[in-house]
Amino acid sequence: MTAAFEAEGLVKRFGSTTALDGVDLHAARGSVLGVLGPNGAGKTTAIRILTTLLRPDAGRVVVDGLDVTRRAVDVRRRIGLAGQSATVDEDLTGTENLVLFGRLLDLPTPEARRRAGDLLERFGLTEAAGRRASTYSGGMRRRLDLAASLVGTPRVLFLDEPTTGLDPGKRSELWQTIRSLADDGTTVLLTTQYLEEADALADAITVIDHGRVIAHDTPAGLKQQAGGQTVVVRPSDPGQAVAAAEVVGRVTGRPAERPHGGTVTAPVAGQREFADVVRGLEHAEVAVAEVALRLPSLDEVFFTLTGRPAGDAVTREAS
């Protein structure tokens, strides 16, 4: 499948600091690429290069078939960008902000107004459309900024921590919007400090640390790299937790844990050992409300790859 964007061997230095040291990024058309990494990893620097805001010191970047350094103006007409901070004009109303973006993209005024109305409705801002952006809450300004990034119906959309400042309900709504955009053919590059966000949205994830790519795979593939599958057993009767733990320990040869009252967990070697646990529980007449084989979480994968907890994965980089 043709890539919507490709970056090969990106290098960017700021004085004595190397922000990017040979980074490769790519995504198929209509897919979502999640980019994760700890503070200062280089994620935002990479987005700035891909969106023509910075020139790389070395490397090649092609977006929608166009060389970013040679055809920057054409690239800008085909992409959308929502950075870490909202960039709307607070002296303009919500409608005026979006119409302005539309006119800058050469949309006729009637088309710009129609597009603005559609986006204000999509992001739940219709009632505030006639108010100055300075009266908006932080979350509302964030949603308006995201709407502005979509005015030109971009082929490739770059989102740098797009849900920062949104409450859980609005974050979930935005997830649906991002997935619908990808389903309609828009390619999305997403940086985020919420690992569950990447797990829910990304078709593939690239992990960057100290300016280098240290992993690239699907979310499931990254979890497989971290290993450590776990069997989780929740007996229907919490009083049978001891019996369940004995079965799990006997089958796996490892001590079972009971971290949540009646729930029993233990590492397993794979599907076959998991099946043996299920048969052992049945033989011991331990009725279960739940039995599952769990892969490591992305939080655990992140720690395995970087040696730092996910809480350190903040994407604000000085450059």
Protein backbone atom coordinates (compact mmCIF):
# COMPACT_ATOMS: atom_id res chain seq x y z
CA MET A 1 0.00 0.00 0.00
CA THR A 2 1.31 3.49 -0.89
CA ALA A 3 2.60 5.46 2.08
CA ALA A 4 0.85 8.74 2.89
CA PHE A 5 4.10 10.06 4.29
CA GLU A 6 7.66 8.79 4.65
CA ALA A 7 10.53 10.19 6.65
CA GLU A 8 13.91 8.50 6.32
CA GLY A 9 17.01 9.20 8.37
CA LEU A 10 15.78 12.44 9.92
CA VAL A 11 18.48 14.36 11.75
CA LYS A 12 17.92 17.65 13.55
CA ARG A 13 20.31 19.42 15.91
CA PHE A 14 19.83 22.48 18.08
CA GLY A 15 23.31 23.61 19.00
CA SER A 16 24.98 20.75 20.84
CA THR A 17 21.67 18.91 21.30
CA THR A 18 20.66 16.23 18.79
CA ALA A 19 16.85 16.14 18.82
CA LEU A 20 16.56 13.57 16.03
CA ASP A 21 19.25 11.06 15.20
CA GLY A 22 18.23 9.12 12.09
CA VAL A 23 14.47 8.78 12.68
CA ASP A 24 12.28 6.87 10.22
CA LEU A 25 8.49 7.36 10.19
CA HIS A 26 5.88 6.14 7.74
CA ALA A 27 2.17 5.43 7.55
CA ALA A 28 -0.12 3.85 4.98
CA ARG A 29 -2.96 5.93 3.57
CA GLY A 30 -6.05 5.92 5.75
CA SER A 31 -4.19 4.66 8.81
CA VAL A 32 -3.39 6.11 12.23
CA LEU A 33 0.25 6.14 13.35
CA GLY A 34 0.79 6.69 17.07
CA VAL A 35 4.13 8.17 18.09
CA LEU A 36 5.12 7.65 21.71
CA GLY A 37 8.18 8.60 23.69
CA PRO A 38 9.33 10.17 26.94
CA ASN A 39 9.90 13.85 27.53
CA GLY A 40 12.41 15.25 25.04
CA ALA A 41 12.35 12.17 22.80
CA GLY A 42 11.96 14.20 19.59
CA LYS A 43 8.33 13.63 18.66
CA THR A 44 7.30 17.26 18.30
CA THR A 45 10.49 18.06 16.40
CA ALA A 46 9.60 15.31 13.92
CA ILE A 47 6.09 16.70 13.46
CA ARG A 48 7.49 20.20 12.82
CA ILE A 49 9.68 18.81 10.06
CA LEU A 50 6.87 16.78 8.51
CA THR A 51 4.64 19.85 8.48
CA THR A 52 7.27 22.17 6.90
CA LEU A 53 7.85 24.23 10.07
CA LEU A 54 11.47 23.06 10.41
CA ARG A 55 14.07 21.96 7.90
CA PRO A 56 15.96 18.77 8.75
CA ASP A 57 19.72 18.80 8.89
CA ALA A 58 19.70 15.47 7.09
CA GLY A 59 17.20 12.95 5.81
CA ARG A 60 14.36 12.77 3.30
CA VAL A 61 10.69 13.61 3.90
CA VAL A 62 7.82 12.98 1.47
CA VAL A 63 4.21 13.83 2.35
CA ASP A 64 1.41 12.84 -0.03
CA GLY A 65 4.02 12.25 -2.71
CA LEU A 66 5.65 15.69 -2.32
CA ASP A 67 9.13 16.48 -1.06
CA VAL A 68 8.63 18.62 2.04
CA THR A 69 11.75 20.76 1.62
CA ARG A 70 11.26 21.43 -2.10
CA ARG A 71 7.48 21.84 -2.26
CA ALA A 72 6.57 23.17 1.16
CA VAL A 73 3.71 25.41 -0.07
CA ASP A 74 2.01 22.53 -1.88
CA VAL A 75 2.45 20.26 1.15
CA ARG A 76 0.76 22.81 3.42
CA ARG A 77 -2.35 22.74 1.23
CA ARG A 78 -2.68 18.98 1.71
CA ILE A 79 -2.14 18.65 5.44
CA GLY A 80 -3.73 19.70 8.71
CA LEU A 81 -1.94 20.39 11.98
CA ALA A 82 -3.11 20.77 15.56
CA GLY A 83 -0.16 21.47 17.83
CA GLN A 84 0.17 21.14 21.57
CA SER A 85 -1.33 24.59 22.21
CA ALA A 86 -4.45 26.08 20.64
CA THR A 87 -3.56 28.76 18.07
CA VAL A 88 -6.96 30.33 17.41
CA ASP A 89 -7.42 34.11 17.31
CA GLU A 90 -9.15 34.99 20.59
CA ASP A 91 -10.47 38.29 19.21
CA LEU A 92 -12.52 36.44 16.57
CA THR A 93 -15.64 34.34 17.07
CA GLY A 94 -15.62 30.62 16.52
CA THR A 95 -17.19 31.03 13.10
CA GLU A 96 -14.84 33.83 12.12
CA ASN A 97 -11.81 31.76 13.06
CA LEU A 98 -12.84 28.85 10.85
CA VAL A 99 -13.94 31.07 7.96
CA LEU A 100 -10.56 32.82 8.14
CA PHE A 101 -8.76 29.48 7.83
CA GLY A 102 -11.00 28.57 4.91
CA ARG A 103 -10.26 31.82 3.08
CA LEU A 104 -6.52 31.35 3.69
CA LEU A 105 -6.92 27.99 1.97
CA ASP A 106 -8.63 29.73 -0.99
CA LEU A 107 -12.10 28.40 -0.25
CA PRO A 108 -14.85 30.70 -1.62
CA THR A 109 -16.54 32.55 1.25
CA PRO A 110 -19.84 30.61 1.02
CA GLU A 111 -17.93 27.31 1.05
CA ALA A 112 -15.78 28.48 3.97
CA ARG A 113 -18.92 29.39 5.95
CA ARG A 114 -20.56 26.06 5.17
CA ARG A 115 -17.43 24.18 6.20
CA ALA A 116 -17.18 26.23 9.40
CA GLY A 117 -20.78 25.42 10.30
CA ASP A 118 -20.27 21.70 9.74
CA LEU A 119 -17.14 21.61 11.90
CA LEU A 120 -18.63 23.70 14.70
CA GLU A 121 -21.50 21.22 14.86
CA ARG A 122 -19.16 18.22 14.80
CA PHE A 123 -17.18 19.57 17.75
CA GLY A 124 -20.18 20.70 19.79
CA LEU A 125 -19.50 24.42 19.37
CA THR A 126 -22.58 25.55 17.48
CA GLU A 127 -24.07 27.41 20.43
CA ALA A 128 -20.79 29.26 21.00
CA ALA A 129 -20.16 29.97 17.30
CA GLY A 130 -20.95 33.68 17.60
CA ARG A 131 -18.88 34.25 20.74
CA ARG A 132 -15.31 35.47 20.78
CA ALA A 133 -12.81 32.67 21.36
CA SER A 134 -11.47 34.62 24.35
CA THR A 135 -14.67 33.65 26.20
CA TYR A 136 -14.16 29.94 25.51
CA SER A 137 -12.94 27.50 28.14
CA GLY A 138 -9.60 25.82 27.56
CA GLY A 139 -11.32 22.67 26.32
CA MET A 140 -13.50 24.66 23.92
CA ARG A 141 -10.48 26.47 22.47
CA ARG A 142 -8.81 23.09 22.00
CA ARG A 143 -11.81 21.78 20.10
CA LEU A 144 -11.92 24.92 17.95
CA ASP A 145 -8.23 24.49 17.16
CA LEU A 146 -8.87 20.89 16.11
CA ALA A 147 -11.77 22.03 13.94
CA ALA A 148 -9.47 24.58 12.29
CA SER A 149 -7.03 21.81 11.36
CA LEU A 150 -9.82 20.11 9.38
CA VAL A 151 -11.12 23.11 7.42
CA GLY A 152 -9.15 22.19 4.33
CA THR A 153 -10.20 18.52 4.39
CA PRO A 154 -6.55 17.44 4.72
CA ARG A 155 -5.21 14.24 3.24
CA VAL A 156 -2.75 13.91 6.10
CA LEU A 157 -3.52 15.19 9.60
CA PHE A 158 -0.85 15.75 12.26
CA LEU A 159 -2.11 15.83 15.84
CA ASP A 160 0.30 16.66 18.65
CA GLU A 161 -1.39 15.62 21.90
CA PRO A 162 -4.85 16.44 20.52
CA THR A 163 -6.89 15.57 23.61
CA THR A 164 -4.90 17.59 26.14
CA GLY A 165 -7.36 19.69 28.13
CA LEU A 166 -10.42 17.68 27.16
CA ASP A 167 -12.60 15.92 29.70
CA PRO A 168 -13.04 12.12 29.30
CA GLY A 169 -16.36 12.51 27.46
CA LYS A 170 -15.00 14.95 24.88
CA ARG A 171 -11.84 12.85 24.57
CA SER A 172 -13.96 9.82 23.67
CA GLU A 173 -15.87 11.90 21.11
CA LEU A 174 -12.60 13.03 19.55
CA TRP A 175 -11.40 9.44 19.35
CA GLN A 176 -14.49 8.64 17.30
CA THR A 177 -13.80 11.63 15.06
CA ILE A 178 -10.19 10.55 14.46
CA ARG A 179 -11.24 7.00 13.61
CA SER A 180 -13.96 8.25 11.26
CA LEU A 181 -11.41 10.47 9.50
CA ALA A 182 -9.11 7.49 9.00
CA ASP A 183 -12.02 5.36 7.79
CA ASP A 184 -12.76 8.07 5.21
CA GLY A 185 -9.18 7.95 3.94
CA THR A 186 -7.38 10.63 5.97
CA THR A 187 -4.00 9.55 7.32
CA VAL A 188 -3.33 10.61 10.91
CA LEU A 189 -0.07 10.94 12.83
CA LEU A 190 -0.87 11.18 16.52
CA THR A 191 1.43 11.93 19.44
CA THR A 192 -0.09 11.40 22.84
CA GLN A 193 0.76 11.08 26.50
CA TYR A 194 -2.22 8.75 26.99
CA LEU A 195 -1.12 5.22 26.20
CA GLU A 196 -4.71 3.99 26.18
CA GLU A 197 -5.34 6.56 23.44
CA ALA A 198 -2.64 5.08 21.23
CA ASP A 199 -3.92 1.58 22.00
CA ALA A 200 -7.47 2.56 21.04
CA LEU A 201 -6.66 4.53 17.89
CA ALA A 202 -3.37 3.53 16.32
CA ASP A 203 -2.97 0.94 13.59
CA ALA A 204 0.77 1.10 14.23
CA ILE A 205 2.95 2.67 16.92
CA THR A 206 6.46 4.07 16.70
CA VAL A 207 8.36 4.56 19.95
CA ILE A 208 11.09 7.22 19.98
CA ASP A 209 13.67 7.66 22.73
CA HIS A 210 16.66 10.03 22.75
CA GLY A 211 15.97 10.99 19.15
CA ARG A 212 15.97 7.43 17.81
CA VAL A 213 13.27 4.94 16.91
CA ILE A 214 13.50 2.03 19.33
CA ALA A 215 10.37 0.13 18.25
CA HIS A 216 7.74 0.08 15.51
CA ASP A 217 4.86 -2.37 15.37
CA THR A 218 1.13 -2.76 15.82
CA PRO A 219 -0.13 -2.31 19.40
CA ALA A 220 -0.56 -6.08 19.67
CA GLY A 221 2.90 -6.67 18.23
CA LEU A 222 4.52 -4.33 20.75
CA LYS A 223 2.75 -6.14 23.57
CA GLN A 224 4.10 -9.45 22.24
CA GLN A 225 7.62 -7.98 22.28
CA ALA A 226 7.29 -7.27 25.99
CA GLY A 227 6.18 -10.87 26.58
CA GLY A 228 4.75 -11.87 29.90
CA GLN A 229 1.28 -13.18 29.09
CA THR A 230 -0.87 -13.49 32.19
CA VAL A 231 -3.83 -15.72 33.02
CA VAL A 232 -6.58 -13.98 34.99
CA VAL A 233 -9.16 -16.09 36.85
CA ARG A 234 -12.13 -14.71 38.78
CA PRO A 235 -14.11 -17.47 40.50
CA SER A 236 -17.88 -17.10 40.64
CA ASP A 237 -17.56 -17.72 44.38
CA PRO A 238 -14.76 -15.62 45.92
CA GLY A 239 -14.41 -18.34 48.53
CA GLN A 240 -12.94 -20.59 45.81
CA ALA A 241 -10.05 -18.21 45.15
CA VAL A 242 -7.64 -20.43 47.13
CA ALA A 243 -8.67 -23.50 45.12
CA ALA A 244 -8.29 -21.53 41.87
CA ALA A 245 -4.83 -20.36 42.92
CA GLU A 246 -3.79 -23.94 43.65
CA VAL A 247 -4.90 -25.06 40.17
CA VAL A 248 -3.16 -22.17 38.43
CA GLY A 249 0.04 -22.67 40.45
CA ARG A 250 0.09 -26.41 39.76
CA VAL A 251 -0.41 -26.00 35.98
CA THR A 252 1.99 -23.12 35.46
CA GLY A 253 4.60 -24.11 38.00
CA ARG A 254 4.59 -20.51 39.24
CA PRO A 255 2.98 -19.08 42.36
CA ALA A 256 -0.38 -17.47 41.66
CA GLU A 257 -1.21 -14.05 43.05
CA ARG A 258 -4.49 -12.66 44.35
CA PRO A 259 -4.09 -8.89 43.91
CA HIS A 260 -7.80 -8.05 43.87
CA GLY A 261 -9.56 -10.17 46.47
CA GLY A 262 -11.06 -13.10 44.63
CA THR A 263 -9.12 -12.58 41.39
CA VAL A 264 -6.18 -14.92 40.69
CA THR A 265 -3.34 -14.09 38.29
CA ALA A 266 -0.15 -15.83 37.16
CA PRO A 267 2.28 -15.71 34.21
CA VAL A 268 1.67 -18.36 31.52
CA ALA A 269 3.82 -19.60 28.67
CA GLY A 270 1.12 -19.30 26.02
CA GLN A 271 -2.15 -20.61 24.66
CA ARG A 272 -1.48 -24.26 25.51
CA GLU A 273 -0.74 -23.56 29.16
CA PHE A 274 -3.80 -21.29 29.32
CA ALA A 275 -5.95 -24.16 27.98
CA ASP A 276 -4.48 -26.46 30.65
CA VAL A 277 -5.50 -23.94 33.33
CA VAL A 278 -9.07 -23.89 32.00
CA ARG A 279 -9.23 -27.71 32.04
CA GLY A 280 -7.70 -27.82 35.51
CA LEU A 281 -10.32 -25.43 36.87
CA GLU A 282 -13.09 -27.52 35.34
CA HIS A 283 -11.63 -30.73 36.80
CA ALA A 284 -11.38 -29.11 40.23
CA GLU A 285 -15.00 -27.93 39.88
CA VAL A 286 -14.05 -24.28 40.30
CA ALA A 287 -16.80 -22.25 38.62
CA VAL A 288 -15.46 -19.04 37.10
CA ALA A 289 -17.09 -15.71 36.31
CA GLU A 290 -14.10 -14.77 34.17
CA VAL A 291 -11.01 -16.45 32.78
CA ALA A 292 -8.79 -14.56 30.35
CA LEU A 293 -5.33 -14.49 28.79
CA ARG A 294 -3.96 -10.96 29.02
CA LEU A 295 -1.10 -9.44 27.07
CA PRO A 296 1.04 -6.76 28.74
CA SER A 297 -0.47 -3.29 28.70
CA LEU A 298 1.12 -0.54 26.62
CA ASP A 299 2.23 1.01 29.91
CA GLU A 300 4.24 -2.13 30.63
CA VAL A 301 5.59 -2.18 27.07
CA PHE A 302 6.66 1.43 27.36
CA PHE A 303 8.56 0.73 30.57
CA THR A 304 10.21 -2.34 29.01
CA LEU A 305 11.39 -0.36 25.99
CA THR A 306 12.47 2.89 27.64
CA GLY A 307 13.14 1.98 31.26
CA ARG A 308 10.82 4.80 32.29
CA PRO A 309 7.20 4.66 33.46
CA ALA A 310 4.44 5.90 31.19
CA GLY A 311 3.85 8.86 33.49
CA ASP A 312 7.09 10.34 32.13
CA ALA A 313 5.82 10.20 28.54
CA VAL A 314 5.06 13.88 28.25
CA THR A 315 5.48 15.19 24.74
CA ARG A 316 6.68 18.74 25.41
CA GLU A 317 10.11 19.22 23.94
CA ALA A 318 12.36 22.25 24.04
CA SER A 319 13.68 23.10 20.64
